[in-house]
């Protein structure tokens, strides 16, 4: 991942509704949710939700797939993985023991 992509992803997540959307979609992996259901669960108007989902998609954090008349959104876990690796690359200046607490914290949630 390059700086520009990381900045785009972090910028997309730096807004409350988009962060909530992303976290909701991560909780609903691997099935994802229809755009209308995302809007309903977060109590956001559908047209506003569409704009938020588009920003997250451009940032590489969500992907979508049409199913009949619905568009199903899913968290792009490859995009999340790339962002996380970008953030911890060169972690602790080559001293892996310093990163052990971070890795231990992340392991149970995955």
Protein backbone atom coordinates (compact mmCIF):
# COMPACT_ATOMS: atom_id res chain seq x y z
CA UNK A 1 0.00 0.00 0.00
CA UNK A 2 1.21 3.47 -0.79
CA UNK A 3 0.81 6.60 1.31
CA UNK A 4 -1.94 7.95 -0.97
CA UNK A 5 -4.08 4.81 -0.58
CA UNK A 6 -3.54 4.73 3.19
CA UNK A 7 -4.50 8.39 3.50
CA UNK A 8 -7.65 7.76 1.45
CA UNK A 9 -8.64 4.81 3.66
CA UNK A 10 -7.90 6.62 6.90
CA UNK A 11 -9.76 9.69 5.65
CA UNK A 12 -12.78 7.57 4.78
CA UNK A 13 -12.81 6.12 8.29
CA UNK A 14 -12.29 9.54 9.90
CA UNK A 15 -16.02 10.26 9.81
CA UNK A 16 -18.39 8.86 12.41
CA UNK A 17 -21.06 7.37 10.14
CA UNK A 18 -18.53 5.78 7.78
CA UNK A 19 -16.64 4.27 10.71
CA UNK A 20 -19.93 2.86 12.03
CA UNK A 21 -20.76 1.47 8.57
CA UNK A 22 -17.40 -0.21 8.24
CA UNK A 23 -17.58 -1.76 11.71
CA UNK A 24 -21.14 -2.98 11.01
CA UNK A 25 -20.04 -4.61 7.76
CA UNK A 26 -17.07 -6.27 9.46
CA UNK A 27 -19.49 -7.77 12.02
CA UNK A 28 -21.62 -9.15 9.17
CA UNK A 29 -18.83 -10.89 7.28
CA UNK A 30 -18.93 -12.97 5.15
CA UNK A 31 -22.58 -12.41 4.18
CA UNK A 32 -22.61 -8.61 4.07
CA UNK A 33 -25.70 -6.43 4.19
CA UNK A 34 -27.97 -4.74 1.70
CA UNK A 35 -27.46 -0.99 1.48
CA UNK A 36 -30.99 -0.35 2.76
CA UNK A 37 -30.38 -2.57 5.79
CA UNK A 38 -27.16 -0.73 6.59
CA UNK A 39 -29.07 2.56 6.44
CA UNK A 40 -31.89 1.15 8.61
CA UNK A 41 -29.59 -0.28 11.27
CA UNK A 42 -27.64 2.97 11.55
CA UNK A 43 -30.74 5.19 11.20
CA UNK A 44 -29.27 7.12 8.27
CA UNK A 45 -31.26 8.25 5.19
CA UNK A 46 -30.64 5.92 2.23
CA UNK A 47 -29.33 8.65 -0.08
CA UNK A 48 -26.85 9.76 2.58
CA UNK A 49 -25.84 6.13 3.14
CA UNK A 50 -25.18 5.69 -0.58
CA UNK A 51 -22.70 8.57 -0.49
CA UNK A 52 -20.93 7.10 2.56
CA UNK A 53 -20.74 3.65 0.96
CA UNK A 54 -19.31 5.15 -2.24
CA UNK A 55 -16.55 6.90 -0.28
CA UNK A 56 -15.68 3.66 1.54
CA UNK A 57 -15.66 1.77 -1.77
CA UNK A 58 -13.32 4.31 -3.42
CA UNK A 59 -11.03 3.98 -0.42
CA UNK A 60 -10.88 0.19 -0.91
CA UNK A 61 -12.63 -0.64 2.35
CA UNK A 62 -15.93 -2.03 1.08
CA UNK A 63 -17.03 -3.91 -2.00
CA UNK A 64 -20.47 -4.46 -3.43
CA UNK A 65 -22.31 -7.06 -5.44
CA UNK A 66 -25.75 -6.88 -7.01
CA UNK A 67 -28.22 -9.57 -5.94
CA UNK A 68 -31.47 -9.19 -7.81
CA UNK A 69 -32.71 -5.71 -6.88
CA UNK A 70 -30.41 -5.27 -3.89
CA UNK A 71 -26.80 -4.26 -3.65
CA UNK A 72 -25.00 -6.22 -0.96
CA UNK A 73 -22.04 -4.48 0.70
CA UNK A 74 -19.23 -6.29 2.42
CA UNK A 75 -16.14 -5.13 4.24
CA UNK A 76 -13.12 -5.52 1.98
CA UNK A 77 -10.93 -7.49 4.36
CA UNK A 78 -8.01 -7.42 1.93
CA UNK A 79 -8.19 -3.62 2.00
CA UNK A 80 -8.32 -3.66 5.80
CA UNK A 81 -5.38 -6.07 5.94
CA UNK A 82 -3.33 -3.86 3.61
CA UNK A 83 -4.10 -0.80 5.74
CA UNK A 84 -3.21 -2.55 8.99
CA UNK A 85 0.05 -3.87 7.52
CA UNK A 86 0.89 -0.40 6.21
CA UNK A 87 0.36 1.06 9.68
CA UNK A 88 2.53 -1.47 11.48
CA UNK A 89 5.21 -1.90 8.80
CA UNK A 90 8.60 -1.37 10.37
CA UNK A 91 6.90 -1.76 13.74
CA UNK A 92 9.11 -1.06 16.70
CA UNK A 93 12.24 -0.50 14.59
CA UNK A 94 12.87 -4.20 14.10
CA UNK A 95 12.29 -5.20 17.72
CA UNK A 96 9.38 -7.65 17.43
CA UNK A 97 9.12 -8.09 21.18
CA UNK A 98 7.89 -4.50 21.42
CA UNK A 99 5.01 -5.31 19.04
CA UNK A 100 4.02 -8.49 20.87
CA UNK A 101 1.35 -6.76 23.02
CA UNK A 102 -0.28 -5.27 19.91
CA UNK A 103 -0.31 -8.60 18.12
CA UNK A 104 -1.64 -10.38 21.20
CA UNK A 105 -4.48 -7.84 21.39
CA UNK A 106 -5.40 -8.31 17.72
CA UNK A 107 -5.22 -12.11 17.61
CA UNK A 108 -8.34 -13.00 19.68
CA UNK A 109 -10.60 -10.68 17.68
CA UNK A 110 -9.76 -12.39 14.41
